[in-house]
Amino acid sequence: MNNNFYYYKRVSTNKQKLDRQNEAIIEWQKQNNITVPSENIFQDVFTGKTFNREQYQILINKLKPNDYLIVKEIDRLGRDWDGIKTEWKRLHDNNINIIVIDLPILSDNLPNQKSMLDNLETKLIKEQLLELMCYSAQKERERISQRTKEGLKATRIKGTKLGRPREENSNKENFIRTLDHMVNDNVSQAKATLYYKYPIDTFRRDLKKCYEKYETKDHEIILKKLKNGE
């Protein structure tokens, strides 16, 4: 039976680097004498609170029963507690093996690898560990969000003017920033446009143009395409 190996890596913003994830898969391949083809390596620069990511969706559509999905850490898969658990179960229900490089106890066995003792106690430990890692992933996401909000509040208290100069309000760069704020910080159009001083009527008109251009009303997909210069 053939087993295909796929590696998925993710960062939330362009300011973050993939170095650690790149080094992890190189070392893992050496240790296990397994090669992951370059065409089977996928990466996203996108928030972990949703699984609706372009490259991840392409990847999971390629996965077949008995294939292996490898991630360095479980929070590379996602950072939403319920979302990770649901995706974890869905993958296993479809007979997809999961390897977490930094947490071997959660990983499925490799081909020809001796199975770990599969008893009630082992299953309990794995389930509790998965719950703990899901909790940690979401807690970290909430902590980052809270720090960002507190930073903005402190800036307002100091009297620093937020947003962009008026003459730059309606340019493409600011449109992307406004849409990013709306999507990733889960705020309304009104709040996002107010924060970046983007005229809301102009924003809605530009957003409608994006609906037509990209043939979708999914804001996350539109944001991804805009960031990629499509």
C-alpha atoms as a PDB file:
ATOM      1  CA  MET A   1       0.000   0.000   0.000  1.00  0.00           C
ATOM      2  CA  ASN A   2       1.448   3.389  -1.034  1.00  0.00           C
ATOM      3  CA  ASN A   3       1.668   6.192   1.485  1.00  0.00           C
ATOM      4  CA  ASN A   4       2.121   9.792   0.401  1.00  0.00           C
ATOM      5  CA  PHE A   5       3.637  12.311   2.798  1.00  0.00           C
ATOM      6  CA  TYR A   6       2.550  15.956   2.915  1.00  0.00           C
ATOM      7  CA  TYR A   7       3.933  18.782   5.029  1.00  0.00           C
ATOM      8  CA  TYR A   8       1.912  21.826   6.014  1.00  0.00           C
ATOM      9  CA  LYS A   9       3.406  24.990   7.454  1.00  0.00           C
ATOM     10  CA  ARG A  10       1.713  28.237   8.388  1.00  0.00           C
ATOM     11  CA  VAL A  11       2.384  31.690   9.800  1.00  0.00           C
ATOM     12  CA  SER A  12      -0.230  34.319  10.525  1.00  0.00           C
ATOM     13  CA  THR A  13       1.495  37.352   8.995  1.00  0.00           C
ATOM     14  CA  ASN A  14       4.251  38.221   6.546  1.00  0.00           C
ATOM     15  CA  LYS A  15       6.306  39.520   9.463  1.00  0.00           C
ATOM     16  CA  GLN A  16       6.699  35.991  10.806  1.00  0.00           C
ATOM     17  CA  LYS A  17       9.265  33.556   9.447  1.00  0.00           C
ATOM     18  CA  LEU A  18       9.024  29.898   8.469  1.00  0.00           C
ATOM     19  CA  ASP A  19      12.613  29.062   9.395  1.00  0.00           C
ATOM     20  CA  ARG A  20      11.808  26.823  12.367  1.00  0.00           C
ATOM     21  CA  GLN A  21       9.176  24.909  10.424  1.00  0.00           C
ATOM     22  CA  ASN A  22      11.544  24.480   7.482  1.00  0.00           C
ATOM     23  CA  GLU A  23      14.328  23.177   9.728  1.00  0.00           C
ATOM     24  CA  ALA A  24      11.935  20.819  11.518  1.00  0.00           C
ATOM     25  CA  ILE A  25      10.871  18.947   8.382  1.00  0.00           C
ATOM     26  CA  ILE A  26      14.461  18.665   7.136  1.00  0.00           C
ATOM     27  CA  GLU A  27      15.536  17.055  10.413  1.00  0.00           C
ATOM     28  CA  TRP A  28      12.441  14.830  10.562  1.00  0.00           C
ATOM     29  CA  GLN A  29      13.113  13.457   7.093  1.00  0.00           C
ATOM     30  CA  LYS A  30      16.696  12.599   8.059  1.00  0.00           C
ATOM     31  CA  GLN A  31      15.656  10.861  11.257  1.00  0.00           C
ATOM     32  CA  ASN A  32      12.959   8.773   9.580  1.00  0.00           C
ATOM     33  CA  ASN A  33      14.636   8.214   6.207  1.00  0.00           C
ATOM     34  CA  ILE A  34      11.581   9.614   4.451  1.00  0.00           C
ATOM     35  CA  THR A  35      11.468  12.196   1.688  1.00  0.00           C
ATOM     36  CA  VAL A  36       8.577  14.621   1.361  1.00  0.00           C
ATOM     37  CA  PRO A  37       8.470  15.797  -2.290  1.00  0.00           C
ATOM     38  CA  SER A  38       8.621  19.569  -2.705  1.00  0.00           C
ATOM     39  CA  GLU A  39       5.267  19.510  -4.497  1.00  0.00           C
ATOM     40  CA  ASN A  40       3.766  17.986  -1.337  1.00  0.00           C
ATOM     41  CA  ILE A  41       4.802  20.895   0.862  1.00  0.00           C
ATOM     42  CA  PHE A  42       2.170  23.590   1.342  1.00  0.00           C
ATOM     43  CA  GLN A  43       2.248  26.851   3.242  1.00  0.00           C
ATOM     44  CA  ASP A  44      -0.173  29.619   4.150  1.00  0.00           C
ATOM     45  CA  VAL A  45       0.300  33.105   5.507  1.00  0.00           C
ATOM     46  CA  PHE A  46      -3.048  33.296   7.195  1.00  0.00           C
ATOM     47  CA  THR A  47      -4.767  33.361  10.569  1.00  0.00           C
ATOM     48  CA  GLY A  48      -5.137  30.055  12.384  1.00  0.00           C
ATOM     49  CA  LYS A  49      -8.651  30.745  13.614  1.00  0.00           C
ATOM     50  CA  THR A  50     -10.136  29.372  10.391  1.00  0.00           C
ATOM     51  CA  PHE A  51      -9.411  26.369   8.171  1.00  0.00           C
ATOM     52  CA  ASN A  52     -10.642  28.214   5.103  1.00  0.00           C
ATOM     53  CA  ARG A  53      -7.100  28.852   3.875  1.00  0.00           C
ATOM     54  CA  GLU A  54      -6.235  28.577   0.194  1.00  0.00           C
ATOM     55  CA  GLN A  55      -3.218  26.271   0.345  1.00  0.00           C
ATOM     56  CA  TYR A  56      -4.633  24.166   3.169  1.00  0.00           C
ATOM     57  CA  GLN A  57      -7.800  23.555   1.166  1.00  0.00           C
ATOM     58  CA  ILE A  58      -5.731  22.513  -1.860  1.00  0.00           C
ATOM     59  CA  LEU A  59      -3.733  20.170   0.371  1.00  0.00           C
ATOM     60  CA  ILE A  60      -6.650  18.377   2.006  1.00  0.00           C
ATOM     61  CA  ASN A  61      -8.244  17.818  -1.388  1.00  0.00           C
ATOM     62  CA  LYS A  62      -5.113  15.904  -2.385  1.00  0.00           C
ATOM     63  CA  LEU A  63      -5.039  13.690   0.691  1.00  0.00           C
ATOM     64  CA  LYS A  64      -6.147  10.085   0.240  1.00  0.00           C
ATOM     65  CA  PRO A  65      -6.721   7.318   2.797  1.00  0.00           C
ATOM     66  CA  ASN A  66      -3.455   6.161   4.431  1.00  0.00           C
ATOM     67  CA  ASP A  67      -1.601   9.342   3.448  1.00  0.00           C
ATOM     68  CA  TYR A  68       0.316  11.321   6.077  1.00  0.00           C
ATOM     69  CA  LEU A  69      -0.178  14.968   7.018  1.00  0.00           C
ATOM     70  CA  ILE A  70       2.827  16.372   8.893  1.00  0.00           C
ATOM     71  CA  VAL A  71       2.933  19.588  10.953  1.00  0.00           C
ATOM     72  CA  LYS A  72       5.625  20.868  13.288  1.00  0.00           C
ATOM     73  CA  GLU A  73       3.204  21.866  16.032  1.00  0.00           C
ATOM     74  CA  ILE A  74      -0.501  21.368  16.440  1.00  0.00           C
ATOM     75  CA  ASP A  75      -1.126  25.128  16.360  1.00  0.00           C
ATOM     76  CA  ARG A  76       0.224  25.223  12.792  1.00  0.00           C
ATOM     77  CA  LEU A  77      -2.903  23.262  11.954  1.00  0.00           C
ATOM     78  CA  GLY A  78      -5.099  25.858  13.645  1.00  0.00           C
ATOM     79  CA  ARG A  79      -5.647  28.008  16.712  1.00  0.00           C
ATOM     80  CA  ASP A  80      -9.305  27.449  17.427  1.00  0.00           C
ATOM     81  CA  TRP A  81     -10.043  24.844  20.105  1.00  0.00           C
ATOM     82  CA  ASP A  82     -13.198  23.355  18.593  1.00  0.00           C
ATOM     83  CA  GLY A  83     -11.877  23.796  15.067  1.00  0.00           C
ATOM     84  CA  ILE A  84      -8.726  21.764  15.714  1.00  0.00           C
ATOM     85  CA  LYS A  85     -10.643  18.940  17.373  1.00  0.00           C
ATOM     86  CA  THR A  86     -13.201  18.827  14.569  1.00  0.00           C
ATOM     87  CA  GLU A  87     -10.496  18.805  11.877  1.00  0.00           C
ATOM     88  CA  TRP A  88      -8.450  16.206  13.762  1.00  0.00           C
ATOM     89  CA  LYS A  89     -11.462  13.871  13.913  1.00  0.00           C
ATOM     90  CA  ARG A  90     -12.416  14.518  10.281  1.00  0.00           C
ATOM     91  CA  LEU A  91      -8.929  13.630   9.069  1.00  0.00           C
ATOM     92  CA  HIS A  92      -8.822  10.427  11.103  1.00  0.00           C
ATOM     93  CA  ASP A  93     -12.343   9.477  10.026  1.00  0.00           C
ATOM     94  CA  ASN A  94     -10.999   9.635   6.468  1.00  0.00           C
ATOM     95  CA  ASN A  95      -8.034   7.417   7.421  1.00  0.00           C
ATOM     96  CA  ILE A  96      -5.501  10.239   7.153  1.00  0.00           C
ATOM     97  CA  ASN A  97      -2.496   9.793   9.425  1.00  0.00           C
ATOM     98  CA  ILE A  98      -1.271  12.843  11.340  1.00  0.00           C
ATOM     99  CA  ILE A  99       2.313  13.459  12.441  1.00  0.00           C
ATOM    100  CA  VAL A 100       3.060  16.242  14.937  1.00  0.00           C
ATOM    101  CA  ILE A 101       6.847  16.584  14.879  1.00  0.00           C
ATOM    102  CA  ASP A 102       7.110  18.288  18.276  1.00  0.00           C
ATOM    103  CA  LEU A 103       4.661  15.896  19.948  1.00  0.00           C
ATOM    104  CA  PRO A 104       5.339  12.282  18.871  1.00  0.00           C
ATOM    105  CA  ILE A 105       2.906  10.832  21.417  1.00  0.00           C
ATOM    106  CA  LEU A 106       0.024  12.353  19.434  1.00  0.00           C
ATOM    107  CA  SER A 107       1.399  11.142  16.104  1.00  0.00           C
ATOM    108  CA  ASP A 108       0.169   8.122  14.179  1.00  0.00           C
ATOM    109  CA  ASN A 109       2.566   5.292  13.412  1.00  0.00           C
ATOM    110  CA  LEU A 110       4.713   5.435  10.319  1.00  0.00           C
ATOM    111  CA  PRO A 111       4.624   2.545   7.812  1.00  0.00           C
ATOM    112  CA  ASN A 112       6.317  -0.558   9.243  1.00  0.00           C
ATOM    113  CA  GLN A 113       6.675   1.195  12.587  1.00  0.00           C
ATOM    114  CA  LYS A 114       5.890  -0.844  15.658  1.00  0.00           C
ATOM    115  CA  SER A 115       2.548   0.204  17.099  1.00  0.00           C
ATOM    116  CA  MET A 116       2.406   1.791  20.496  1.00  0.00           C
ATOM    117  CA  LEU A 117       0.401   0.013  23.140  1.00  0.00           C
ATOM    118  CA  ASP A 118      -3.175   0.823  22.193  1.00  0.00           C
ATOM    119  CA  ASN A 119      -5.204   0.473  25.351  1.00  0.00           C
ATOM    120  CA  LEU A 120      -7.778   2.506  27.220  1.00  0.00           C
ATOM    121  CA  GLU A 121      -5.165   4.386  29.243  1.00  0.00           C
ATOM    122  CA  THR A 122      -3.194   5.376  26.130  1.00  0.00           C
ATOM    123  CA  LYS A 123      -6.341   6.650  24.417  1.00  0.00           C
ATOM    124  CA  LEU A 124      -7.234   8.661  27.522  1.00  0.00           C
ATOM    125  CA  ILE A 125      -3.774  10.252  27.657  1.00  0.00           C
ATOM    126  CA  LYS A 126      -3.899  11.168  23.961  1.00  0.00           C
ATOM    127  CA  GLU A 127      -7.373  12.689  24.245  1.00  0.00           C
ATOM    128  CA  GLN A 128      -6.405  14.742  27.288  1.00  0.00           C
ATOM    129  CA  LEU A 129      -3.191  15.889  25.623  1.00  0.00           C
ATOM    130  CA  LEU A 130      -5.070  16.916  22.489  1.00  0.00           C
ATOM    131  CA  GLU A 131      -7.512  18.918  24.614  1.00  0.00           C
ATOM    132  CA  LEU A 132      -4.611  20.619  26.390  1.00  0.00           C
ATOM    133  CA  MET A 133      -2.863  21.535  23.135  1.00  0.00           C
ATOM    134  CA  CYS A 134      -6.120  22.877  21.641  1.00  0.00           C
ATOM    135  CA  TYR A 135      -6.647  24.979  24.749  1.00  0.00           C
ATOM    136  CA  SER A 136      -3.087  26.319  24.601  1.00  0.00           C
ATOM    137  CA  ALA A 137      -3.402  27.189  20.914  1.00  0.00           C
ATOM    138  CA  GLN A 138      -6.608  29.167  21.362  1.00  0.00           C
ATOM    139  CA  LYS A 139      -5.386  30.795  24.577  1.00  0.00           C
ATOM    140  CA  GLU A 140      -2.301  32.084  22.759  1.00  0.00           C
ATOM    141  CA  ARG A 141      -4.458  33.509  19.957  1.00  0.00           C
ATOM    142  CA  GLU A 142      -6.677  35.280  22.488  1.00  0.00           C
ATOM    143  CA  ARG A 143      -3.619  36.577  24.346  1.00  0.00           C
ATOM    144  CA  ILE A 144      -2.183  38.101  21.166  1.00  0.00           C
ATOM    145  CA  SER A 145      -5.536  39.679  20.340  1.00  0.00           C
ATOM    146  CA  GLN A 146      -5.824  41.134  23.842  1.00  0.00           C
ATOM    147  CA  ARG A 147      -2.301  42.582  23.718  1.00  0.00           C
ATOM    148  CA  THR A 148      -3.117  44.244  20.413  1.00  0.00           C
ATOM    149  CA  LYS A 149      -6.294  45.807  21.811  1.00  0.00           C
ATOM    150  CA  GLU A 150      -4.484  47.013  24.915  1.00  0.00           C
ATOM    151  CA  GLY A 151      -1.741  48.540  22.771  1.00  0.00           C
ATOM    152  CA  LEU A 152      -4.262  50.439  20.675  1.00  0.00           C
ATOM    153  CA  LYS A 153      -6.058  51.643  23.797  1.00  0.00           C
ATOM    154  CA  ALA A 154      -2.798  52.881  25.306  1.00  0.00           C
ATOM    155  CA  THR A 155      -2.011  54.727  22.094  1.00  0.00           C
ATOM    156  CA  ARG A 156      -5.395  56.467  22.154  1.00  0.00           C
ATOM    157  CA  ILE A 157      -4.927  57.451  25.794  1.00  0.00           C
ATOM    158  CA  LYS A 158      -1.587  59.065  24.923  1.00  0.00           C
ATOM    159  CA  GLY A 159      -3.401  61.110  22.313  1.00  0.00           C
ATOM    160  CA  THR A 160      -1.623  59.625  19.299  1.00  0.00           C
ATOM    161  CA  LYS A 161      -3.631  60.019  16.152  1.00  0.00           C
ATOM    162  CA  LEU A 162      -4.506  56.631  14.699  1.00  0.00           C
ATOM    163  CA  GLY A 163      -5.156  55.762  11.103  1.00  0.00           C
ATOM    164  CA  ARG A 164      -3.667  57.080   7.879  1.00  0.00           C
ATOM    165  CA  PRO A 165      -3.509  60.637   6.542  1.00  0.00           C
ATOM    166  CA  ARG A 166      -6.654  61.707   4.738  1.00  0.00           C
ATOM    167  CA  GLU A 167      -5.015  61.788   1.307  1.00  0.00           C
ATOM    168  CA  GLU A 168      -4.098  58.098   1.608  1.00  0.00           C
ATOM    169  CA  ASN A 169      -7.492  56.912   2.861  1.00  0.00           C
ATOM    170  CA  SER A 170      -8.843  55.405  -0.328  1.00  0.00           C
ATOM    171  CA  ASN A 171      -5.762  53.798  -1.828  1.00  0.00           C
ATOM    172  CA  LYS A 172      -5.344  50.065  -2.405  1.00  0.00           C
ATOM    173  CA  GLU A 173      -2.905  49.591   0.466  1.00  0.00           C
ATOM    174  CA  ASN A 174      -5.341  51.086   2.935  1.00  0.00           C
ATOM    175  CA  PHE A 175      -8.211  49.053   1.478  1.00  0.00           C
ATOM    176  CA  ILE A 176      -6.228  45.881   2.212  1.00  0.00           C
ATOM    177  CA  ARG A 177      -5.411  47.090   5.736  1.00  0.00           C
ATOM    178  CA  THR A 178      -9.063  47.889   6.383  1.00  0.00           C
ATOM    179  CA  LEU A 179     -10.266  44.540   5.044  1.00  0.00           C
ATOM    180  CA  ASP A 180      -7.571  42.733   7.040  1.00  0.00           C
ATOM    181  CA  HIS A 181      -8.697  44.495  10.224  1.00  0.00           C
ATOM    182  CA  MET A 182     -12.313  43.544   9.515  1.00  0.00           C
ATOM    183  CA  VAL A 183     -11.504  39.873   8.806  1.00  0.00           C
ATOM    184  CA  ASN A 184      -8.760  39.029  11.284  1.00  0.00           C
ATOM    185  CA  ASP A 185      -9.938  41.189  14.180  1.00  0.00           C
ATOM    186  CA  ASN A 186     -13.569  40.247  13.561  1.00  0.00           C
ATOM    187  CA  VAL A 187     -14.930  43.788  13.513  1.00  0.00           C
ATOM    188  CA  SER A 188     -17.711  45.331  11.456  1.00  0.00           C
ATOM    189  CA  GLN A 189     -17.205  47.298   8.253  1.00  0.00           C
ATOM    190  CA  ALA A 190     -18.173  50.440  10.134  1.00  0.00           C
ATOM    191  CA  LYS A 191     -15.499  49.960  12.835  1.00  0.00           C
ATOM    192  CA  ALA A 192     -12.798  48.893  10.369  1.00  0.00           C
ATOM    193  CA  THR A 193     -13.386  51.856   8.049  1.00  0.00           C
ATOM    194  CA  LEU A 194     -13.585  54.263  10.987  1.00  0.00           C
ATOM    195  CA  TYR A 195     -10.275  53.024  12.366  1.00  0.00           C
ATOM    196  CA  TYR A 196      -8.433  53.478   9.063  1.00  0.00           C
ATOM    197  CA  LYS A 197     -10.537  56.539   8.084  1.00  0.00           C
ATOM    198  CA  TYR A 198     -11.654  54.785   4.904  1.00  0.00           C
ATOM    199  CA  PRO A 199     -14.933  56.312   3.644  1.00  0.00           C
ATOM    200  CA  ILE A 200     -17.425  53.525   4.251  1.00  0.00           C
ATOM    201  CA  ASP A 201     -19.366  54.135   1.014  1.00  0.00           C
ATOM    202  CA  THR A 202     -16.115  53.977  -0.947  1.00  0.00           C
ATOM    203  CA  PHE A 203     -15.078  50.833   0.926  1.00  0.00           C
ATOM    204  CA  ARG A 204     -18.370  49.123   0.134  1.00  0.00           C
ATOM    205  CA  ARG A 205     -18.083  50.109  -3.518  1.00  0.00           C
ATOM    206  CA  ASP A 206     -14.511  48.793  -3.717  1.00  0.00           C
ATOM    207  CA  LEU A 207     -15.527  45.612  -1.911  1.00  0.00           C
ATOM    208  CA  LYS A 208     -18.321  45.064  -4.423  1.00  0.00           C
ATOM    209  CA  LYS A 209     -15.766  45.355  -7.230  1.00  0.00           C
ATOM    210  CA  CYS A 210     -13.760  42.606  -5.519  1.00  0.00           C
ATOM    211  CA  TYR A 211     -16.862  40.386  -5.356  1.00  0.00           C
ATOM    212  CA  GLU A 212     -17.189  40.711  -9.109  1.00  0.00           C
ATOM    213  CA  LYS A 213     -13.490  40.391  -9.890  1.00  0.00           C
ATOM    214  CA  TYR A 214     -12.837  37.297  -7.776  1.00  0.00           C
ATOM    215  CA  GLU A 215     -16.350  35.817  -8.151  1.00  0.00           C
ATOM    216  CA  THR A 216     -16.704  35.263  -4.404  1.00  0.00           C
ATOM    217  CA  LYS A 217     -18.027  37.100  -1.372  1.00  0.00           C
ATOM    218  CA  ASP A 218     -15.697  35.290   0.992  1.00  0.00           C
ATOM    219  CA  HIS A 219     -13.713  38.127   2.564  1.00  0.00           C
ATOM    220  CA  GLU A 220     -10.867  35.860   3.650  1.00  0.00           C
ATOM    221  CA  ILE A 221     -10.326  34.576   0.111  1.00  0.00           C
ATOM    222  CA  ILE A 222     -10.499  38.106  -1.297  1.00  0.00           C
ATOM    223  CA  LEU A 223      -7.972  39.326   1.283  1.00  0.00           C
ATOM    224  CA  LYS A 224      -5.594  36.499   0.432  1.00  0.00           C
ATOM    225  CA  LYS A 225      -5.778  37.266  -3.292  1.00  0.00           C
ATOM    226  CA  LEU A 226      -5.222  40.975  -2.713  1.00  0.00           C
ATOM    227  CA  LYS A 227      -2.164  40.294  -0.560  1.00  0.00           C
ATOM    228  CA  ASN A 228      -0.809  38.039  -3.305  1.00  0.00           C
ATOM    229  CA  GLY A 229      -1.264  40.820  -5.832  1.00  0.00           C
ATOM    230  CA  GLU A 230      -3.858  38.925  -7.850  1.00  0.00           C
END
